[in-house]
């Protein structure tokens, strides 16, 4: 996602990522679904671009060093009250 690569993963693999299914990544929970999603993605350049860009934006907004630092600072400030 961070490298603007479209992502297809299982529900379990993507469990802790609070991104939007179908917008930021695709989900496939078995081999048949993985094959179908892969073919769908390979045949749809617009879907590739949309997933790649949305995934990168999601990562930048939620997992950048700036965001992680701010989240940690918020925890410290809340704890200090």
C-alpha atoms as a PDB file:
ATOM      1  CA  UNK A   1       0.000   0.000   0.000  1.00  0.00           C
ATOM      2  CA  UNK A   2       2.724   2.462   0.953  1.00  0.00           C
ATOM      3  CA  UNK A   3       4.496   1.824  -2.357  1.00  0.00           C
ATOM      4  CA  UNK A   4       1.328   2.423  -4.404  1.00  0.00           C
ATOM      5  CA  UNK A   5       0.926  -1.283  -5.022  1.00  0.00           C
ATOM      6  CA  UNK A   6      -2.636  -2.623  -5.071  1.00  0.00           C
ATOM      7  CA  UNK A   7      -3.163  -5.095  -2.233  1.00  0.00           C
ATOM      8  CA  UNK A   8      -5.179  -8.307  -2.115  1.00  0.00           C
ATOM      9  CA  UNK A   9      -5.098 -10.018   1.263  1.00  0.00           C
ATOM     10  CA  UNK A  10      -7.099 -12.290   3.495  1.00  0.00           C
ATOM     11  CA  UNK A  11      -9.479 -10.968   6.132  1.00  0.00           C
ATOM     12  CA  UNK A  12      -7.138 -12.224   8.831  1.00  0.00           C
ATOM     13  CA  UNK A  13      -4.043 -10.632   7.276  1.00  0.00           C
ATOM     14  CA  UNK A  14      -5.790  -7.268   7.008  1.00  0.00           C
ATOM     15  CA  UNK A  15      -7.662  -7.513  10.317  1.00  0.00           C
ATOM     16  CA  UNK A  16      -5.763  -4.765  12.135  1.00  0.00           C
ATOM     17  CA  UNK A  17      -5.788  -2.352   9.219  1.00  0.00           C
ATOM     18  CA  UNK A  18      -8.833  -0.156   9.444  1.00  0.00           C
ATOM     19  CA  UNK A  19      -8.923   0.694   5.772  1.00  0.00           C
ATOM     20  CA  UNK A  20     -11.956   0.337   3.539  1.00  0.00           C
ATOM     21  CA  UNK A  21     -12.449  -2.920   1.655  1.00  0.00           C
ATOM     22  CA  UNK A  22     -12.849  -2.300  -2.061  1.00  0.00           C
ATOM     23  CA  UNK A  23     -11.446   1.206  -1.799  1.00  0.00           C
ATOM     24  CA  UNK A  24      -8.034   0.733  -0.182  1.00  0.00           C
ATOM     25  CA  UNK A  25      -7.552  -3.003  -0.752  1.00  0.00           C
ATOM     26  CA  UNK A  26      -9.318  -6.192  -1.857  1.00  0.00           C
ATOM     27  CA  UNK A  27     -10.079  -9.231   0.284  1.00  0.00           C
ATOM     28  CA  UNK A  28      -9.853 -12.879  -0.760  1.00  0.00           C
ATOM     29  CA  UNK A  29     -10.160 -15.589   1.872  1.00  0.00           C
ATOM     30  CA  UNK A  30      -9.438 -18.682  -0.195  1.00  0.00           C
ATOM     31  CA  UNK A  31      -7.508 -19.708  -3.298  1.00  0.00           C
ATOM     32  CA  UNK A  32     -10.501 -19.381  -5.617  1.00  0.00           C
ATOM     33  CA  UNK A  33     -11.262 -15.854  -4.418  1.00  0.00           C
ATOM     34  CA  UNK A  34      -7.578 -14.900  -4.580  1.00  0.00           C
ATOM     35  CA  UNK A  35      -7.382 -16.082  -8.185  1.00  0.00           C
ATOM     36  CA  UNK A  36     -10.566 -14.256  -9.144  1.00  0.00           C
ATOM     37  CA  UNK A  37      -9.501 -11.004  -7.447  1.00  0.00           C
ATOM     38  CA  UNK A  38      -6.051 -11.221  -9.040  1.00  0.00           C
ATOM     39  CA  UNK A  39      -7.541 -11.677 -12.518  1.00  0.00           C
ATOM     40  CA  UNK A  40     -10.014  -8.854 -11.864  1.00  0.00           C
ATOM     41  CA  UNK A  41      -7.189  -6.565 -10.813  1.00  0.00           C
ATOM     42  CA  UNK A  42      -4.952  -7.509 -13.745  1.00  0.00           C
ATOM     43  CA  UNK A  43      -7.767  -6.859 -16.222  1.00  0.00           C
ATOM     44  CA  UNK A  44      -8.821  -3.492 -14.785  1.00  0.00           C
ATOM     45  CA  UNK A  45      -6.147  -0.764 -14.971  1.00  0.00           C
ATOM     46  CA  UNK A  46      -8.515   1.781 -13.422  1.00  0.00           C
ATOM     47  CA  UNK A  47      -9.063  -0.464 -10.396  1.00  0.00           C
ATOM     48  CA  UNK A  48      -5.287  -0.904 -10.148  1.00  0.00           C
ATOM     49  CA  UNK A  49      -4.744   2.879 -10.111  1.00  0.00           C
ATOM     50  CA  UNK A  50      -7.600   3.541  -7.680  1.00  0.00           C
ATOM     51  CA  UNK A  51      -6.488   0.890  -5.177  1.00  0.00           C
ATOM     52  CA  UNK A  52      -2.845   1.930  -5.464  1.00  0.00           C
ATOM     53  CA  UNK A  53      -3.552   5.613  -4.846  1.00  0.00           C
ATOM     54  CA  UNK A  54      -6.164   5.075  -2.121  1.00  0.00           C
ATOM     55  CA  UNK A  55      -3.894   2.610  -0.322  1.00  0.00           C
ATOM     56  CA  UNK A  56      -0.958   5.009  -0.394  1.00  0.00           C
ATOM     57  CA  UNK A  57      -3.110   7.874   0.905  1.00  0.00           C
ATOM     58  CA  UNK A  58      -4.464   5.649   3.680  1.00  0.00           C
ATOM     59  CA  UNK A  59      -0.967   4.668   4.797  1.00  0.00           C
ATOM     60  CA  UNK A  60       0.282   8.256   4.677  1.00  0.00           C
ATOM     61  CA  UNK A  61      -2.681   9.478   6.746  1.00  0.00           C
ATOM     62  CA  UNK A  62      -2.571   6.710   9.369  1.00  0.00           C
ATOM     63  CA  UNK A  63       0.937   5.273   9.487  1.00  0.00           C
ATOM     64  CA  UNK A  64       3.358   8.097   8.669  1.00  0.00           C
ATOM     65  CA  UNK A  65       5.997   8.928  11.281  1.00  0.00           C
ATOM     66  CA  UNK A  66       4.267  12.262  11.803  1.00  0.00           C
ATOM     67  CA  UNK A  67       0.957  10.551  12.541  1.00  0.00           C
ATOM     68  CA  UNK A  68       2.503   7.897  14.769  1.00  0.00           C
ATOM     69  CA  UNK A  69       4.391  10.584  16.693  1.00  0.00           C
ATOM     70  CA  UNK A  70       1.233  12.630  17.141  1.00  0.00           C
ATOM     71  CA  UNK A  71      -0.727   9.599  18.327  1.00  0.00           C
ATOM     72  CA  UNK A  72       1.993   8.805  20.868  1.00  0.00           C
ATOM     73  CA  UNK A  73       2.119  12.415  22.032  1.00  0.00           C
ATOM     74  CA  UNK A  74      -1.670  12.364  22.478  1.00  0.00           C
ATOM     75  CA  UNK A  75      -1.364   9.259  24.669  1.00  0.00           C
ATOM     76  CA  UNK A  76       1.325  10.916  26.780  1.00  0.00           C
ATOM     77  CA  UNK A  77      -0.705  14.089  27.170  1.00  0.00           C
ATOM     78  CA  UNK A  78      -3.841  12.143  28.120  1.00  0.00           C
ATOM     79  CA  UNK A  79      -1.874  10.053  30.627  1.00  0.00           C
ATOM     80  CA  UNK A  80      -0.336  13.151  32.206  1.00  0.00           C
ATOM     81  CA  UNK A  81      -3.757  14.663  33.010  1.00  0.00           C
END
